[in-house]
C-alpha atoms as a PDB file:
ATOM      1  CA  MET A   1      58.057  39.859 -14.663  1.00  0.00           C
ATOM      2  CA  VAL A   2      60.577  39.104 -17.418  1.00  0.00           C
ATOM      3  CA  ILE A   3      59.345  42.045 -19.482  1.00  0.00           C
ATOM      4  CA  SER A   4      59.654  44.377 -16.485  1.00  0.00           C
ATOM      5  CA  MET A   5      63.238  43.222 -15.938  1.00  0.00           C
ATOM      6  CA  LEU A   6      64.021  43.822 -19.609  1.00  0.00           C
ATOM      7  CA  PHE A   7      62.712  47.368 -19.344  1.00  0.00           C
ATOM      8  CA  LEU A   8      64.788  47.926 -16.199  1.00  0.00           C
ATOM      9  CA  VAL A   9      67.905  46.654 -17.992  1.00  0.00           C
ATOM     10  CA  LEU A  10      67.070  48.912 -20.950  1.00  0.00           C
ATOM     11  CA  TYR A  11      66.760  51.857 -18.570  1.00  0.00           C
ATOM     12  CA  VAL A  12      70.128  51.146 -16.952  1.00  0.00           C
ATOM     13  CA  VAL A  13      71.837  50.662 -20.337  1.00  0.00           C
ATOM     14  CA  ILE A  14      70.461  53.979 -21.622  1.00  0.00           C
ATOM     15  CA  ILE A  15      71.689  55.838 -18.538  1.00  0.00           C
ATOM     16  CA  ILE A  16      75.142  54.181 -18.609  1.00  0.00           C
ATOM     17  CA  ALA A  17      75.559  54.682 -22.363  1.00  0.00           C
ATOM     18  CA  LEU A  18      74.637  58.361 -22.293  1.00  0.00           C
ATOM     19  CA  SER A  19      76.207  59.360 -18.964  1.00  0.00           C
ATOM     20  CA  PRO A  20      79.663  60.208 -20.448  1.00  0.00           C
ATOM     21  CA  TYR A  21      77.986  62.855 -22.592  1.00  0.00           C
ATOM     22  CA  ALA A  22      76.094  64.431 -19.680  1.00  0.00           C
ATOM     23  CA  GLU A  23      77.476  67.345 -17.689  1.00  0.00           C
ATOM     24  CA  GLY A  24      76.248  68.449 -14.259  1.00  0.00           C
ATOM     25  CA  ASN A  25      72.472  68.432 -14.032  1.00  0.00           C
ATOM     26  CA  GLN A  26      72.077  66.886 -17.477  1.00  0.00           C
ATOM     27  CA  LEU A  27      72.337  63.401 -15.935  1.00  0.00           C
ATOM     28  CA  ILE A  28      69.198  64.093 -13.904  1.00  0.00           C
ATOM     29  CA  GLU A  29      67.395  65.370 -17.001  1.00  0.00           C
ATOM     30  CA  LEU A  30      68.595  62.330 -18.917  1.00  0.00           C
ATOM     31  CA  SER A  31      67.292  59.958 -16.251  1.00  0.00           C
ATOM     32  CA  ILE A  32      63.903  61.725 -16.289  1.00  0.00           C
ATOM     33  CA  VAL A  33      63.648  61.377 -20.090  1.00  0.00           C
ATOM     34  CA  ALA A  34      64.730  57.718 -19.905  1.00  0.00           C
ATOM     35  CA  SER A  35      62.127  57.115 -17.185  1.00  0.00           C
ATOM     36  CA  ILE A  36      59.403  58.599 -19.368  1.00  0.00           C
ATOM     37  CA  VAL A  37      60.475  56.458 -22.340  1.00  0.00           C
ATOM     38  CA  VAL A  38      60.547  53.265 -20.254  1.00  0.00           C
ATOM     39  CA  ALA A  39      57.172  54.084 -18.655  1.00  0.00           C
ATOM     40  CA  THR A  40      55.684  54.627 -22.113  1.00  0.00           C
ATOM     41  CA  LEU A  41      57.062  51.302 -23.342  1.00  0.00           C
ATOM     42  CA  ILE A  42      55.665  49.500 -20.282  1.00  0.00           C
ATOM     43  CA  SER A  43      52.265  51.152 -20.789  1.00  0.00           C
ATOM     44  CA  LEU A  44      52.199  50.088 -24.433  1.00  0.00           C
ATOM     45  CA  SER A  45      53.100  46.507 -23.571  1.00  0.00           C
ATOM     46  CA  VAL A  46      50.432  46.315 -20.850  1.00  0.00           C
ATOM     47  CA  TYR A  47      47.816  47.825 -23.182  1.00  0.00           C
ATOM     48  CA  SER A  48      48.636  45.392 -25.994  1.00  0.00           C
ATOM     49  CA  HIS A  49      48.529  42.426 -23.590  1.00  0.00           C
ATOM     50  CA  THR A  50      45.097  43.392 -22.236  1.00  0.00           C
ATOM     51  CA  ARG A  51      43.811  44.079 -25.760  1.00  0.00           C
ATOM     52  CA  ILE A  52      44.910  40.624 -26.962  1.00  0.00           C
ATOM     53  CA  LYS A  53      43.355  39.028 -23.877  1.00  0.00           C
ATOM     54  CA  SER A  54      40.018  40.788 -24.506  1.00  0.00           C
ATOM     55  CA  ILE A  55      40.038  39.699 -28.170  1.00  0.00           C
ATOM     56  CA  ARG A  56      40.669  36.086 -27.109  1.00  0.00           C
ATOM     57  CA  ARG A  57      37.829  36.350 -24.616  1.00  0.00           C
ATOM     58  CA  ALA A  58      35.497  37.679 -27.340  1.00  0.00           C
ATOM     59  CA  ILE A  59      36.421  34.794 -29.637  1.00  0.00           C
ATOM     60  CA  ALA A  60      35.760  32.305 -26.856  1.00  0.00           C
ATOM     61  CA  ASN A  61      32.286  33.697 -26.124  1.00  0.00           C
ATOM     62  CA  LEU A  62      29.507  31.449 -27.283  1.00  0.00           C
ATOM     63  CA  ARG A  63      26.659  32.593 -29.464  1.00  0.00           C
ATOM     64  CA  LYS A  64      24.538  29.501 -28.962  1.00  0.00           C
ATOM     65  CA  VAL A  65      24.626  26.166 -27.124  1.00  0.00           C
ATOM     66  CA  GLU A  66      22.495  23.221 -28.243  1.00  0.00           C
ATOM     67  CA  ILE A  67      22.193  19.642 -26.992  1.00  0.00           C
ATOM     68  CA  ARG A  68      21.216  17.098 -29.635  1.00  0.00           C
ATOM     69  CA  GLY A  69      21.251  13.321 -29.238  1.00  0.00           C
ATOM     70  CA  GLY A  70      24.097  13.026 -26.717  1.00  0.00           C
ATOM     71  CA  PHE A  71      26.150  15.793 -28.342  1.00  0.00           C
ATOM     72  CA  ILE A  72      26.615  19.437 -27.439  1.00  0.00           C
ATOM     73  CA  VAL A  73      26.936  22.018 -30.220  1.00  0.00           C
ATOM     74  CA  LEU A  74      28.999  25.119 -29.398  1.00  0.00           C
ATOM     75  CA  ASP A  75      28.437  27.979 -31.856  1.00  0.00           C
ATOM     76  CA  THR A  76      31.211  30.579 -31.463  1.00  0.00           C
ATOM     77  CA  ILE A  77      32.378  33.592 -33.433  1.00  0.00           C
ATOM     78  CA  ASN A  78      35.062  31.559 -35.176  1.00  0.00           C
ATOM     79  CA  GLY A  79      33.105  28.365 -35.875  1.00  0.00           C
ATOM     80  CA  THR A  80      30.744  25.663 -34.702  1.00  0.00           C
ATOM     81  CA  TYR A  81      32.020  22.717 -32.669  1.00  0.00           C
ATOM     82  CA  THR A  82      30.251  19.465 -31.863  1.00  0.00           C
ATOM     83  CA  ALA A  83      31.392  17.392 -28.896  1.00  0.00           C
ATOM     84  CA  LYS A  84      30.186  14.385 -26.978  1.00  0.00           C
ATOM     85  CA  LEU A  85      28.794  15.348 -23.609  1.00  0.00           C
ATOM     86  CA  ASN A  86      31.498  13.340 -21.829  1.00  0.00           C
ATOM     87  CA  GLU A  87      34.263  15.336 -23.633  1.00  0.00           C
ATOM     88  CA  ILE A  88      33.432  18.638 -21.933  1.00  0.00           C
ATOM     89  CA  THR A  89      33.615  20.038 -18.428  1.00  0.00           C
ATOM     90  CA  ILE A  90      31.312  22.801 -17.304  1.00  0.00           C
ATOM     91  CA  CYS A  91      31.552  25.131 -14.330  1.00  0.00           C
ATOM     92  CA  HIS A  92      30.125  28.482 -13.288  1.00  0.00           C
ATOM     93  CA  LYS A  93      31.037  31.593 -11.325  1.00  0.00           C
ATOM     94  CA  THR A  94      28.307  33.437  -9.487  1.00  0.00           C
ATOM     95  CA  ILE A  95      28.086  37.225  -9.746  1.00  0.00           C
ATOM     96  CA  THR A  96      26.367  38.591  -6.668  1.00  0.00           C
ATOM     97  CA  GLY A  97      24.970  41.995  -5.858  1.00  0.00           C
ATOM     98  CA  ARG A  98      25.212  44.030  -2.686  1.00  0.00           C
ATOM     99  CA  ASP A  99      22.625  41.833  -0.987  1.00  0.00           C
ATOM    100  CA  PHE A 100      24.726  38.732  -1.820  1.00  0.00           C
ATOM    101  CA  ARG A 101      21.989  37.378  -4.081  1.00  0.00           C
ATOM    102  CA  PRO A 102      23.117  36.138  -7.499  1.00  0.00           C
ATOM    103  CA  TYR A 103      22.086  38.399 -10.361  1.00  0.00           C
ATOM    104  CA  ALA A 104      24.116  36.656 -13.093  1.00  0.00           C
ATOM    105  CA  TYR A 105      26.289  33.642 -13.788  1.00  0.00           C
ATOM    106  CA  ASN A 106      29.344  33.221 -15.978  1.00  0.00           C
ATOM    107  CA  VAL A 107      29.342  29.668 -17.350  1.00  0.00           C
ATOM    108  CA  PHE A 108      32.583  28.149 -18.665  1.00  0.00           C
ATOM    109  CA  ILE A 109      32.646  25.162 -21.013  1.00  0.00           C
ATOM    110  CA  ASN A 110      36.058  23.539 -21.426  1.00  0.00           C
ATOM    111  CA  TYR A 111      36.464  21.548 -24.647  1.00  0.00           C
ATOM    112  CA  GLN A 112      39.837  20.293 -25.935  1.00  0.00           C
ATOM    113  CA  GLY A 113      41.849  22.764 -23.862  1.00  0.00           C
ATOM    114  CA  THR A 114      39.833  25.829 -24.898  1.00  0.00           C
ATOM    115  CA  THR A 115      37.491  27.421 -22.400  1.00  0.00           C
ATOM    116  CA  TYR A 116      34.370  28.947 -23.899  1.00  0.00           C
ATOM    117  CA  GLN A 117      32.388  31.434 -21.859  1.00  0.00           C
ATOM    118  CA  ILE A 118      28.705  32.236 -21.619  1.00  0.00           C
ATOM    119  CA  PRO A 119      28.899  35.639 -19.900  1.00  0.00           C
ATOM    120  CA  TYR A 120      26.262  37.186 -17.648  1.00  0.00           C
ATOM    121  CA  LEU A 121      23.619  34.467 -17.842  1.00  0.00           C
ATOM    122  CA  LYS A 122      20.463  35.467 -15.960  1.00  0.00           C
ATOM    123  CA  PRO A 123      19.547  33.263 -12.991  1.00  0.00           C
ATOM    124  CA  GLU A 124      16.431  31.877 -14.707  1.00  0.00           C
ATOM    125  CA  ASP A 125      18.426  31.023 -17.871  1.00  0.00           C
ATOM    126  CA  TYR A 126      21.163  29.454 -15.763  1.00  0.00           C
ATOM    127  CA  GLY A 127      18.555  27.360 -13.960  1.00  0.00           C
ATOM    128  CA  SER A 128      17.143  26.158 -17.289  1.00  0.00           C
ATOM    129  CA  LEU A 129      20.610  25.291 -18.605  1.00  0.00           C
ATOM    130  CA  LYS A 130      21.463  23.451 -15.396  1.00  0.00           C
ATOM    131  CA  GLN A 131      18.217  21.473 -15.532  1.00  0.00           C
ATOM    132  CA  VAL A 132      18.730  20.461 -19.200  1.00  0.00           C
ATOM    133  CA  LEU A 133      22.331  19.415 -18.568  1.00  0.00           C
ATOM    134  CA  LYS A 134      21.337  17.506 -15.431  1.00  0.00           C
ATOM    135  CA  SER A 135      18.778  15.553 -17.470  1.00  0.00           C
ATOM    136  CA  HIS A 136      21.703  14.483 -19.711  1.00  0.00           C
ATOM    137  CA  GLY A 137      23.829  13.452 -16.720  1.00  0.00           C
ATOM    138  CA  ILE A 138      26.044  16.562 -16.524  1.00  0.00           C
ATOM    139  CA  ASP A 139      26.370  18.613 -13.344  1.00  0.00           C
ATOM    140  CA  ILE A 140      27.571  22.218 -13.324  1.00  0.00           C
ATOM    141  CA  SER A 141      29.924  22.834 -10.428  1.00  0.00           C
ATOM    142  CA  GLU A 142      31.490  25.997  -9.017  1.00  0.00           C
ATOM    143  CA  CYS A 143      34.678  26.895 -10.892  1.00  0.00           C
ATOM    144  CA  GLN A 144      37.977  26.373  -9.118  1.00  0.00           C
ATOM    145  CA  ALA A 145      40.535  29.216  -8.688  1.00  0.00           C
ATOM    146  CA  ARG A 146      41.174  30.884 -12.100  1.00  0.00           C
ATOM    147  CA  GLN A 147      39.293  30.599 -15.384  1.00  0.00           C
END
């Protein structure tokens, strides 16, 4: 929202600053050019934001999850983390098909403020993970609102 307002202010400043130099229909042409420039800047900012978000999501994806002696080992792209089972929270989001049957699960593991994702886990793999975690006293619940 703030960035959009900044671009709007930039647009108005460009038009006001250049309007004394415009004659007749040149003001319309000037506003069209300024609109194109502002639209390009907005597009670039949106693209860079989504690119950064996708890179963060890739870093947060897990390669491997192991449970050893009361600890969970999270192997990610940028390192391996070991946590006690009571230090993490786990939830899932169900991905359903047209027949409303689940065909995949996204599992989210929150550890020290960072949410790691296991994307598109098959139902049989999700069932195995849920059973192993349940045997260690951890229940996987449905994720709330946004993850």
